[in-house]
N, C-alpha and C. Protein backbone atom coordinates (compact mmCIF):
# COMPACT_ATOMS: atom_id res chain seq x y z
N UNK A 1 -191.78 -31.96 162.91
CA UNK A 1 -191.03 -31.62 161.74
C UNK A 1 -191.87 -30.51 160.61
N UNK A 2 -190.70 -29.43 160.10
CA UNK A 2 -191.68 -28.78 159.06
C UNK A 2 -191.73 -29.46 157.35
N UNK A 3 -192.42 -29.39 156.98
CA UNK A 3 -192.43 -30.32 155.83
C UNK A 3 -192.57 -29.04 154.67
N UNK A 4 -192.44 -29.68 153.27
CA UNK A 4 -193.50 -28.79 152.27
C UNK A 4 -194.04 -29.34 151.39
N UNK A 5 -194.72 -28.57 150.85
CA UNK A 5 -195.46 -29.53 149.64
C UNK A 5 -194.85 -28.77 148.36
N UNK A 6 -194.80 -29.32 147.35
CA UNK A 6 -194.27 -28.98 145.92
C UNK A 6 -195.46 -29.07 145.39
N UNK A 7 -196.06 -27.87 144.50
CA UNK A 7 -197.13 -27.93 143.44
C UNK A 7 -196.52 -27.71 142.14
N UNK A 8 -195.96 -28.87 141.16
CA UNK A 8 -195.45 -28.70 139.96
C UNK A 8 -196.27 -28.55 139.16
N UNK A 9 -195.88 -27.48 138.37
CA UNK A 9 -196.71 -26.96 137.10
C UNK A 9 -198.27 -27.08 137.08
N UNK A 10 -198.57 -26.54 137.67
CA UNK A 10 -200.21 -26.71 137.79
C UNK A 10 -201.28 -25.48 136.89
N UNK A 11 -200.87 -25.32 136.30
CA UNK A 11 -201.27 -23.98 135.05
C UNK A 11 -202.20 -24.71 134.21
N UNK A 12 -202.86 -23.43 133.92
CA UNK A 12 -204.04 -23.42 132.81
C UNK A 12 -203.06 -24.05 131.01
N UNK A 13 -202.11 -23.95 131.35
CA UNK A 13 -201.55 -24.54 130.06
C UNK A 13 -201.42 -25.86 129.65
N UNK A 14 -200.86 -26.44 131.26
CA UNK A 14 -200.36 -28.15 131.45
C UNK A 14 -202.12 -28.82 131.78
N UNK A 15 -203.20 -28.19 132.14
CA UNK A 15 -204.23 -28.81 132.81
C UNK A 15 -205.42 -28.31 132.26
N UNK A 16 -205.51 -27.35 131.65
CA UNK A 16 -207.36 -26.81 131.36
C UNK A 16 -207.20 -27.07 129.95
N UNK A 17 -208.58 -27.50 129.69
CA UNK A 17 -208.94 -28.41 128.14
C UNK A 17 -208.07 -27.58 126.82
N UNK A 18 -208.07 -26.26 126.84
CA UNK A 18 -207.44 -25.73 125.96
C UNK A 18 -205.98 -25.26 126.05
N UNK A 19 -205.19 -25.44 127.09
CA UNK A 19 -204.10 -25.42 127.28
C UNK A 19 -203.06 -25.44 126.10
N UNK A 20 -201.98 -25.24 126.18
CA UNK A 20 -201.22 -25.04 124.92
C UNK A 20 -200.06 -26.42 124.95
N UNK A 21 -200.00 -27.27 126.23
CA UNK A 21 -199.43 -28.50 126.39
C UNK A 21 -201.02 -29.34 127.49
N UNK A 22 -201.51 -29.65 127.55
CA UNK A 22 -202.43 -29.73 128.50
C UNK A 22 -202.82 -31.64 128.59
N UNK A 23 -202.55 -31.91 130.18
CA UNK A 23 -203.02 -32.98 130.20
C UNK A 23 -204.42 -33.37 129.95
N UNK A 24 -204.91 -32.51 130.23
CA UNK A 24 -206.67 -32.61 130.22
C UNK A 24 -207.24 -32.98 131.71
N UNK A 25 -208.31 -33.74 131.21
CA UNK A 25 -209.11 -34.67 132.66
C UNK A 25 -208.24 -35.04 133.71
N UNK A 26 -207.16 -36.14 133.28
CA UNK A 26 -206.82 -36.58 134.22
C UNK A 26 -205.90 -35.28 135.29
N UNK A 27 -205.76 -34.34 134.92
CA UNK A 27 -204.99 -33.09 135.85
C UNK A 27 -206.00 -32.62 135.79
N UNK A 28 -207.00 -31.96 135.69
CA UNK A 28 -208.23 -31.39 136.20
C UNK A 28 -208.68 -31.70 137.19
N UNK A 29 -209.17 -33.16 137.30
CA UNK A 29 -209.83 -34.01 138.82
C UNK A 29 -209.00 -34.10 139.90
N UNK A 30 -207.56 -33.55 139.48
CA UNK A 30 -206.83 -33.43 141.02
C UNK A 30 -206.91 -31.78 141.50
N UNK A 31 -207.42 -31.20 141.28
CA UNK A 31 -208.03 -29.53 141.55
C UNK A 31 -208.19 -29.74 143.11
N UNK A 32 -209.14 -30.46 143.08
CA UNK A 32 -209.63 -30.47 145.03
C UNK A 32 -209.10 -30.86 145.58
N UNK A 33 -207.98 -32.15 145.30
CA UNK A 33 -206.95 -32.78 146.13
C UNK A 33 -205.86 -31.89 146.48
N UNK A 34 -205.61 -31.52 145.53
CA UNK A 34 -204.40 -30.21 145.47
C UNK A 34 -204.43 -29.22 146.38
N UNK A 35 -205.71 -28.63 146.03
CA UNK A 35 -206.12 -27.42 146.78
C UNK A 35 -206.60 -27.91 148.33
N UNK A 36 -206.90 -28.98 148.99
CA UNK A 36 -206.82 -29.48 149.97
C UNK A 36 -205.68 -29.51 150.85
N UNK A 37 -204.81 -30.28 149.90
CA UNK A 37 -203.52 -30.12 150.40
C UNK A 37 -202.32 -28.91 151.20
N UNK A 38 -202.87 -27.92 149.74
CA UNK A 38 -202.41 -26.97 149.89
C UNK A 38 -202.79 -26.03 151.20
N UNK A 39 -204.19 -26.05 151.65
CA UNK A 39 -204.67 -25.84 152.42
C UNK A 39 -204.47 -26.30 153.93
N UNK A 40 -203.96 -27.64 154.03
CA UNK A 40 -203.88 -28.52 154.94
C UNK A 40 -202.58 -27.98 155.43
N UNK A 41 -201.68 -28.17 154.49
CA UNK A 41 -200.03 -27.89 154.70
C UNK A 41 -199.97 -26.68 155.32
N UNK A 42 -200.61 -25.14 154.69
CA UNK A 42 -200.83 -24.08 155.52
C UNK A 42 -201.48 -23.61 157.00
N UNK A 43 -202.22 -24.71 157.24
CA UNK A 43 -202.83 -24.90 158.57
C UNK A 43 -201.78 -25.32 159.32
N UNK A 44 -200.94 -26.24 159.11
CA UNK A 44 -200.07 -27.04 159.72
C UNK A 44 -198.76 -26.35 159.88
N UNK A 45 -198.61 -24.86 158.92
CA UNK A 45 -197.75 -24.05 159.31
C UNK A 45 -196.51 -24.77 158.92
N UNK A 46 -196.67 -25.29 157.63
CA UNK A 46 -195.77 -25.91 156.88
C UNK A 46 -195.76 -25.03 155.35
N UNK A 47 -194.93 -25.79 154.50
CA UNK A 47 -194.55 -25.10 153.77
C UNK A 47 -195.30 -25.17 152.24
N UNK A 48 -195.73 -24.35 151.03
CA UNK A 48 -196.21 -24.77 150.16
C UNK A 48 -195.65 -24.09 148.74
N UNK A 49 -194.71 -24.92 148.02
CA UNK A 49 -193.50 -24.18 146.90
C UNK A 49 -194.20 -24.73 145.86
N UNK A 50 -194.07 -23.34 144.61
CA UNK A 50 -195.03 -23.89 143.32
C UNK A 50 -194.23 -23.98 142.76
N UNK A 51 -193.40 -24.69 142.15
CA UNK A 51 -192.21 -24.56 141.08
C UNK A 51 -192.95 -24.46 139.81
N UNK A 52 -192.93 -23.66 138.82
CA UNK A 52 -193.60 -23.33 137.71
C UNK A 52 -192.70 -23.17 136.50
N UNK A 53 -193.26 -23.54 135.41
CA UNK A 53 -191.97 -23.09 134.12
C UNK A 53 -192.73 -21.88 133.85
N UNK A 54 -191.62 -21.18 132.91
CA UNK A 54 -191.71 -20.17 132.56
C UNK A 54 -190.86 -20.43 131.44
N UNK A 55 -191.32 -20.20 130.16
CA UNK A 55 -190.25 -19.79 129.07
C UNK A 55 -190.79 -18.96 128.34
N UNK A 56 -189.53 -18.63 127.13
CA UNK A 56 -189.78 -17.37 126.01
C UNK A 56 -190.18 -18.50 124.79
N UNK A 57 -191.03 -17.83 123.92
CA UNK A 57 -191.75 -18.22 122.87
C UNK A 57 -190.33 -18.51 121.86
N UNK A 58 -190.54 -19.48 121.14
CA UNK A 58 -189.06 -19.76 120.47
C UNK A 58 -187.84 -19.46 120.64
N UNK A 59 -187.46 -19.74 121.91
CA UNK A 59 -186.10 -19.55 122.62
C UNK A 59 -185.52 -20.93 122.15
N UNK A 60 -183.98 -20.37 121.19
CA UNK A 60 -183.38 -21.47 120.79
C UNK A 60 -182.52 -22.16 121.60
N UNK A 61 -182.36 -21.52 122.88
CA UNK A 61 -181.39 -22.10 124.12
C UNK A 61 -182.02 -23.06 124.75
N UNK A 62 -183.60 -22.77 124.90
CA UNK A 62 -184.11 -23.86 125.57
C UNK A 62 -184.47 -25.12 125.13
N UNK A 63 -184.05 -26.41 126.10
CA UNK A 63 -184.55 -27.39 125.45
C UNK A 63 -186.00 -27.92 125.36
N UNK A 64 -186.63 -27.28 126.25
CA UNK A 64 -188.19 -27.84 125.92
C UNK A 64 -188.64 -27.19 124.49
N UNK A 65 -188.24 -25.80 124.21
CA UNK A 65 -188.70 -25.25 123.25
C UNK A 65 -188.54 -26.23 121.83
N UNK A 66 -187.40 -27.28 121.64
CA UNK A 66 -187.39 -27.93 120.45
C UNK A 66 -188.19 -29.29 120.60
N UNK A 67 -188.92 -29.32 122.25
CA UNK A 67 -189.72 -30.44 121.95
C UNK A 67 -191.13 -30.33 122.34
N UNK A 68 -191.45 -29.27 122.91
CA UNK A 68 -192.89 -29.23 122.56
C UNK A 68 -193.10 -27.43 122.17
N UNK A 69 -194.43 -27.49 122.05
CA UNK A 69 -194.99 -26.29 121.44
C UNK A 69 -195.02 -25.06 122.73
N UNK A 70 -194.74 -23.64 122.61
CA UNK A 70 -194.64 -22.50 123.52
C UNK A 70 -195.98 -22.95 124.23
N UNK A 71 -195.41 -22.56 125.87
CA UNK A 71 -196.06 -23.07 126.92
C UNK A 71 -195.56 -22.25 128.30
N UNK A 72 -196.76 -21.78 128.73
CA UNK A 72 -195.94 -21.03 130.27
C UNK A 72 -195.22 -19.88 129.96
N UNK A 73 -195.48 -19.13 129.24
CA UNK A 73 -195.06 -18.21 128.71
C UNK A 73 -195.80 -17.12 129.69
N UNK A 74 -194.67 -15.72 129.95
CA UNK A 74 -194.94 -14.72 131.02
C UNK A 74 -195.59 -14.06 130.57
N UNK A 75 -196.52 -13.95 131.89
CA UNK A 75 -197.97 -12.88 132.06
C UNK A 75 -198.80 -13.10 130.86
N UNK A 76 -199.36 -14.53 130.32
CA UNK A 76 -200.20 -15.31 129.57
C UNK A 76 -201.31 -16.29 130.79
N UNK A 77 -202.43 -15.97 130.08
CA UNK A 77 -203.63 -16.76 130.87
C UNK A 77 -203.17 -18.46 131.27
N UNK A 78 -202.21 -18.75 130.22
CA UNK A 78 -201.49 -20.31 130.18
C UNK A 78 -200.54 -20.60 131.23
N UNK A 79 -199.91 -19.64 131.74
CA UNK A 79 -198.57 -19.58 132.95
C UNK A 79 -199.87 -19.36 134.19
N UNK A 80 -200.86 -18.81 134.30
CA UNK A 80 -201.98 -18.29 135.49
C UNK A 80 -201.75 -20.20 136.26
N UNK A 81 -202.03 -20.01 137.44
CA UNK A 81 -202.70 -21.46 138.09
C UNK A 81 -203.92 -21.81 137.47
N UNK A 82 -204.23 -23.17 137.65
CA UNK A 82 -205.42 -23.51 137.17
C UNK A 82 -206.31 -23.40 138.02
N UNK A 83 -207.46 -22.92 137.61
CA UNK A 83 -208.92 -22.67 138.48
C UNK A 83 -208.98 -22.46 140.19
N UNK A 84 -209.24 -23.02 140.75
CA UNK A 84 -208.98 -22.02 142.23
C UNK A 84 -208.15 -22.02 143.14
N UNK A 85 -206.54 -22.99 142.79
CA UNK A 85 -205.51 -22.99 142.83
C UNK A 85 -204.83 -21.38 142.73
N UNK A 86 -205.12 -20.89 141.23
CA UNK A 86 -205.14 -19.48 141.28
C UNK A 86 -205.22 -18.56 142.40
N UNK A 87 -206.35 -18.86 142.34
CA UNK A 87 -207.03 -18.02 143.47
C UNK A 87 -206.48 -17.60 144.75
N UNK A 88 -206.44 -19.41 145.35
CA UNK A 88 -205.60 -19.57 146.54
C UNK A 88 -204.25 -19.02 146.36
N UNK A 89 -203.63 -18.91 145.84
CA UNK A 89 -202.10 -18.66 145.61
C UNK A 89 -202.54 -17.16 145.79
N UNK A 90 -202.91 -16.92 145.29
CA UNK A 90 -203.31 -14.57 145.26
C UNK A 90 -202.92 -14.51 146.70
N UNK A 91 -204.15 -15.32 147.10
CA UNK A 91 -205.04 -14.85 148.47
C UNK A 91 -203.92 -14.78 149.45
N UNK A 92 -203.03 -15.58 149.29
CA UNK A 92 -201.57 -16.20 149.89
C UNK A 92 -200.40 -15.39 149.69
N UNK A 93 -200.32 -14.41 148.65
CA UNK A 93 -198.88 -13.97 147.87
C UNK A 93 -198.08 -13.32 148.88
N UNK A 94 -198.69 -12.95 150.20
CA UNK A 94 -197.57 -12.25 150.81
C UNK A 94 -197.33 -13.21 152.27
N UNK A 95 -197.93 -14.22 151.91
CA UNK A 95 -197.62 -15.43 153.22
C UNK A 95 -196.36 -16.14 153.02
N UNK A 96 -195.34 -15.89 154.10
CA UNK A 96 -194.06 -16.40 153.98
C UNK A 96 -193.76 -17.53 153.84
N UNK A 97 -195.37 -18.54 154.01
CA UNK A 97 -195.15 -20.46 153.99
C UNK A 97 -195.56 -20.54 152.76
N UNK A 98 -195.72 -19.71 151.59
CA UNK A 98 -196.41 -19.47 150.36
C UNK A 98 -194.98 -19.13 149.25
N UNK A 99 -194.25 -20.11 148.56
CA UNK A 99 -193.06 -19.55 147.68
C UNK A 99 -193.29 -20.13 146.29
N UNK A 100 -193.84 -19.22 145.41
CA UNK A 100 -193.91 -19.43 144.32
C UNK A 100 -192.65 -18.76 143.43
N UNK A 101 -192.33 -19.78 142.48
CA UNK A 101 -191.05 -19.21 141.92
C UNK A 101 -191.15 -19.65 140.53
N UNK A 102 -189.96 -19.26 139.41
CA UNK A 102 -190.05 -19.70 137.65
C UNK A 102 -189.34 -20.93 138.07
N UNK A 103 -189.47 -21.70 137.29
CA UNK A 103 -188.54 -22.45 136.79
C UNK A 103 -188.33 -22.93 135.24
N UNK A 104 -187.01 -23.31 134.60
CA UNK A 104 -186.81 -23.30 133.24
C UNK A 104 -186.57 -24.57 132.77
N UNK A 105 -186.52 -25.52 133.49
CA UNK A 105 -186.05 -27.33 133.33
C UNK A 105 -187.23 -28.06 134.26
N UNK A 106 -186.93 -29.69 133.73
CA UNK A 106 -188.01 -30.08 134.30
C UNK A 106 -187.96 -30.34 136.16
N UNK A 107 -186.60 -30.20 136.42
CA UNK A 107 -186.14 -30.55 137.60
C UNK A 107 -186.35 -29.52 138.20
N UNK A 108 -187.34 -28.82 139.16
CA UNK A 108 -187.29 -27.58 140.18
C UNK A 108 -186.35 -27.21 140.87
N UNK A 109 -185.31 -28.37 141.04
CA UNK A 109 -184.11 -27.62 141.66
C UNK A 109 -183.12 -27.22 140.80
N UNK A 110 -183.11 -27.26 139.28
CA UNK A 110 -182.02 -26.65 138.32
C UNK A 110 -182.36 -25.48 138.30
N UNK A 111 -181.13 -24.94 138.41
CA UNK A 111 -180.90 -22.94 137.73
C UNK A 111 -181.79 -22.46 138.43
N UNK A 112 -181.73 -22.76 140.51
CA UNK A 112 -182.86 -22.58 141.45
C UNK A 112 -182.59 -22.24 142.52
N UNK A 113 -183.03 -21.64 143.32
CA UNK A 113 -182.58 -21.75 144.94
C UNK A 113 -183.24 -22.37 145.12
N UNK A 114 -184.07 -23.43 145.14
CA UNK A 114 -185.16 -23.92 146.11
C UNK A 114 -184.45 -25.14 147.04
N UNK A 115 -182.90 -25.64 146.96
CA UNK A 115 -182.20 -26.56 147.93
C UNK A 115 -181.83 -25.51 149.21
N UNK A 116 -181.55 -24.55 149.01
CA UNK A 116 -181.60 -23.47 149.52
C UNK A 116 -182.16 -23.08 150.37
N UNK A 117 -183.53 -22.64 149.82
CA UNK A 117 -184.55 -22.07 150.56
C UNK A 117 -185.10 -23.51 151.41
N UNK A 118 -185.10 -24.62 151.29
CA UNK A 118 -185.48 -25.91 151.87
C UNK A 118 -184.58 -26.01 153.24
N UNK A 119 -183.31 -25.96 152.95
CA UNK A 119 -182.15 -25.85 154.17
C UNK A 119 -182.06 -24.62 154.39
N UNK A 120 -182.16 -23.57 154.48
CA UNK A 120 -182.38 -22.73 155.58
C UNK A 120 -183.52 -22.37 156.18
N UNK A 121 -184.61 -23.44 156.25
CA UNK A 121 -185.70 -23.88 156.57
C UNK A 121 -185.96 -25.23 157.30
N UNK A 122 -184.91 -25.55 157.44
CA UNK A 122 -184.57 -27.38 157.74
C UNK A 122 -185.74 -28.25 157.39
N UNK A 123 -186.35 -27.91 156.18
CA UNK A 123 -187.24 -29.28 155.63
C UNK A 123 -186.07 -30.09 154.87
N UNK A 124 -186.60 -30.83 155.18
CA UNK A 124 -186.22 -32.46 154.63
C UNK A 124 -187.02 -32.93 154.30
N UNK A 125 -188.18 -33.27 154.54
CA UNK A 125 -189.59 -33.38 153.94
C UNK A 125 -190.18 -32.97 152.80
N UNK A 126 -190.01 -33.67 151.45
CA UNK A 126 -191.14 -33.16 150.83
C UNK A 126 -192.25 -34.19 149.87
N UNK A 127 -193.30 -32.99 149.76
CA UNK A 127 -194.60 -34.12 149.55
C UNK A 127 -194.44 -33.36 148.02
N UNK A 128 -195.09 -34.27 146.78
CA UNK A 128 -194.87 -33.81 145.43
C UNK A 128 -196.45 -34.35 144.76
N UNK A 129 -196.77 -33.15 144.23
CA UNK A 129 -197.76 -33.18 143.30
C UNK A 129 -197.68 -32.43 142.18
N UNK A 130 -198.70 -32.57 141.30
CA UNK A 130 -198.52 -31.72 140.04
C UNK A 130 -198.94 -32.74 139.06
N UNK A 131 -198.16 -31.78 137.92
CA UNK A 131 -197.84 -32.47 136.49
C UNK A 131 -196.83 -32.43 136.07
N UNK A 132 -196.24 -32.89 135.36
CA UNK A 132 -196.32 -33.88 134.69
C UNK A 132 -195.55 -35.00 135.43
N UNK A 133 -196.50 -36.12 135.81
CA UNK A 133 -195.89 -37.44 136.72
C UNK A 133 -194.61 -38.09 136.13
N UNK A 134 -194.24 -37.93 134.81
CA UNK A 134 -193.25 -38.57 134.59
C UNK A 134 -192.33 -37.83 133.40
N UNK A 135 -192.39 -36.26 133.92
CA UNK A 135 -191.61 -35.45 133.49
C UNK A 135 -191.02 -34.54 134.62
N UNK A 136 -191.81 -33.44 134.65
CA UNK A 136 -191.33 -32.53 135.50
C UNK A 136 -191.44 -33.38 137.30
N UNK A 137 -192.46 -33.43 137.47
CA UNK A 137 -192.46 -34.24 138.75
C UNK A 137 -191.22 -35.45 139.33
N UNK A 138 -191.28 -36.47 138.15
CA UNK A 138 -189.73 -37.22 138.38
C UNK A 138 -188.77 -36.50 137.69
N UNK A 139 -188.46 -35.58 136.93
CA UNK A 139 -187.14 -34.95 137.29
C UNK A 139 -186.83 -34.55 138.50
N UNK A 140 -187.90 -34.09 139.15
CA UNK A 140 -187.76 -32.73 140.88
C UNK A 140 -187.45 -33.91 141.82
N UNK A 141 -188.32 -35.73 141.62
CA UNK A 141 -188.02 -36.33 142.42
C UNK A 141 -186.73 -37.20 142.85
N UNK A 142 -186.28 -37.28 141.24
CA UNK A 142 -184.97 -37.52 141.05
C UNK A 142 -183.87 -36.63 142.12
N UNK A 143 -184.21 -35.45 141.45
CA UNK A 143 -182.79 -34.41 141.99
C UNK A 143 -183.38 -34.49 143.67
N UNK A 144 -184.63 -34.61 144.03
CA UNK A 144 -184.29 -34.63 146.13
C UNK A 144 -183.87 -35.96 146.54
N UNK A 145 -184.17 -36.73 145.57
CA UNK A 145 -183.55 -37.86 146.31
C UNK A 145 -182.05 -38.08 146.16
N UNK A 146 -181.16 -37.07 144.95
CA UNK A 146 -179.94 -37.12 145.00
C UNK A 146 -179.51 -36.10 146.27
N UNK A 147 -179.91 -35.29 146.53
CA UNK A 147 -179.72 -34.35 147.81
C UNK A 147 -179.99 -34.73 148.91
N UNK A 148 -181.07 -36.27 148.99
CA UNK A 148 -181.55 -36.80 150.46
C UNK A 148 -182.43 -36.04 151.06
N UNK A 149 -183.07 -35.97 150.46
CA UNK A 149 -184.73 -35.14 150.59
C UNK A 149 -185.22 -36.31 151.16
N UNK A 150 -186.12 -36.63 152.03
CA UNK A 150 -187.35 -37.34 151.95
C UNK A 150 -188.55 -37.30 151.35
N UNK A 151 -188.90 -37.72 150.43
CA UNK A 151 -190.17 -37.94 149.50
C UNK A 151 -191.34 -38.37 149.66
N UNK A 152 -192.59 -38.04 149.23
CA UNK A 152 -193.45 -38.92 149.37
C UNK A 152 -194.78 -38.15 148.45
N UNK A 153 -194.83 -38.82 146.92
CA UNK A 153 -195.80 -38.63 146.18
C UNK A 153 -197.29 -38.94 146.44
N UNK A 154 -198.05 -38.33 146.37
CA UNK A 154 -199.39 -37.96 146.44
C UNK A 154 -199.91 -38.52 145.23
N UNK A 155 -200.06 -39.96 145.12
CA UNK A 155 -200.98 -40.38 143.68
C UNK A 155 -202.14 -39.98 143.13
N UNK A 156 -202.78 -39.73 144.04
CA UNK A 156 -203.95 -39.37 143.61
C UNK A 156 -204.08 -37.20 143.28
N UNK A 157 -202.53 -37.01 143.31
CA UNK A 157 -202.51 -35.82 142.99
C UNK A 157 -201.69 -35.64 141.65
N UNK A 158 -201.03 -36.39 141.40
CA UNK A 158 -200.39 -36.27 140.16
C UNK A 158 -200.45 -36.74 138.89
N UNK A 159 -200.30 -36.41 137.76
CA UNK A 159 -201.31 -36.70 136.37
C UNK A 159 -199.92 -36.81 135.06
N UNK A 160 -200.05 -37.30 134.16
CA UNK A 160 -199.36 -36.94 132.61
C UNK A 160 -200.34 -37.33 131.98
N UNK A 161 -199.48 -37.18 130.63
CA UNK A 161 -200.45 -37.79 128.98
C UNK A 161 -200.82 -38.97 129.14
N UNK A 162 -200.39 -39.89 129.51
CA UNK A 162 -200.79 -41.55 129.27
C UNK A 162 -200.80 -42.08 130.77
N UNK A 163 -201.86 -42.94 130.67
CA UNK A 163 -201.87 -44.02 131.35
C UNK A 163 -200.49 -44.86 131.60
N UNK A 164 -199.67 -45.05 130.81
CA UNK A 164 -198.02 -45.71 130.83
C UNK A 164 -197.22 -44.84 131.87
N UNK A 165 -197.24 -43.85 131.05
CA UNK A 165 -196.21 -43.05 131.46
C UNK A 165 -196.82 -43.07 133.54
N UNK A 166 -197.77 -42.69 133.58
CA UNK A 166 -198.31 -42.69 134.60
C UNK A 166 -197.94 -43.58 135.85
N UNK A 167 -198.36 -44.90 135.22
CA UNK A 167 -197.73 -46.20 135.71
C UNK A 167 -196.28 -46.04 135.97
N UNK A 168 -195.53 -46.09 135.17
CA UNK A 168 -194.29 -46.53 134.88
C UNK A 168 -193.59 -45.37 136.15
N UNK A 169 -194.40 -44.26 136.27
CA UNK A 169 -193.34 -43.26 137.05
C UNK A 169 -193.61 -43.19 138.35
N UNK A 170 -195.17 -43.99 138.56
CA UNK A 170 -195.31 -44.47 140.03
C UNK A 170 -194.30 -45.58 140.52
N UNK A 171 -194.34 -46.64 139.84
CA UNK A 171 -193.63 -47.68 139.87
C UNK A 171 -192.03 -47.17 140.22
N UNK A 172 -191.86 -46.16 139.53
CA UNK A 172 -190.31 -46.08 139.61
C UNK A 172 -189.93 -45.12 140.98
N UNK A 173 -191.16 -44.45 141.21
CA UNK A 173 -190.71 -43.66 142.70
C UNK A 173 -190.73 -44.85 143.74
N UNK A 174 -191.54 -45.73 143.62
CA UNK A 174 -191.29 -46.68 145.07
C UNK A 174 -190.56 -47.85 144.65
N UNK A 175 -190.23 -48.44 143.47
CA UNK A 175 -189.23 -49.44 143.34
C UNK A 175 -187.80 -48.72 143.29
N UNK A 176 -187.34 -47.78 142.15
CA UNK A 176 -185.93 -47.53 142.06
C UNK A 176 -185.65 -46.46 142.95
N UNK A 177 -186.17 -45.82 143.60
CA UNK A 177 -186.26 -44.19 144.48
C UNK A 177 -186.19 -44.77 146.24
N UNK A 178 -187.31 -45.51 146.23
CA UNK A 178 -187.68 -45.89 147.73
C UNK A 178 -188.37 -44.94 148.57
N UNK A 179 -188.99 -44.24 147.49
CA UNK A 179 -190.38 -43.09 147.71
C UNK A 179 -191.51 -43.15 148.62
N UNK A 180 -192.03 -42.74 149.25
CA UNK A 180 -193.52 -43.23 150.42
C UNK A 180 -194.49 -43.03 148.57
N UNK A 181 -195.45 -43.43 148.30
CA UNK A 181 -196.38 -43.30 147.40
C UNK A 181 -197.66 -43.82 148.14
N UNK A 182 -198.14 -42.22 148.38
CA UNK A 182 -199.81 -42.97 148.91
C UNK A 182 -201.00 -42.07 148.25
């Protein structure tokens, strides 16, 4: 069965110490696990998908612009993938099993072709990693649930701003959505 690893928003702005909207250390310590999973999925001939925020500074029509400082702006250091993941993605940019695309909503399915991309390849099994557990990972997970995907959350490869947010989201994945949390 073909499956996909979704690496959600693992960028400098969300992860690096000086990122515009950083989770900081809790996100930084995920780097080895995320890179390991990406390589494992690639070796298994599965898919690695990188839904990544793309925003315009001070756009009054973007909901996030009202809630958060400008982040993940086009052609900025902040939107580049964090650490070794950036090099890995660059090395795989011509690999048909690695798909990076912009998103403008918490939910990686909203306003994108993700669902079509997955269905065309008969992918029904999704593994989610990245940031933020209680925001973009959560909203993507709920959308995947609504679209009848099988979802696994890698608890050692997701992070968010607060321990309470992390705990709540992980419990919600298990207790309300019936997802496998490993």
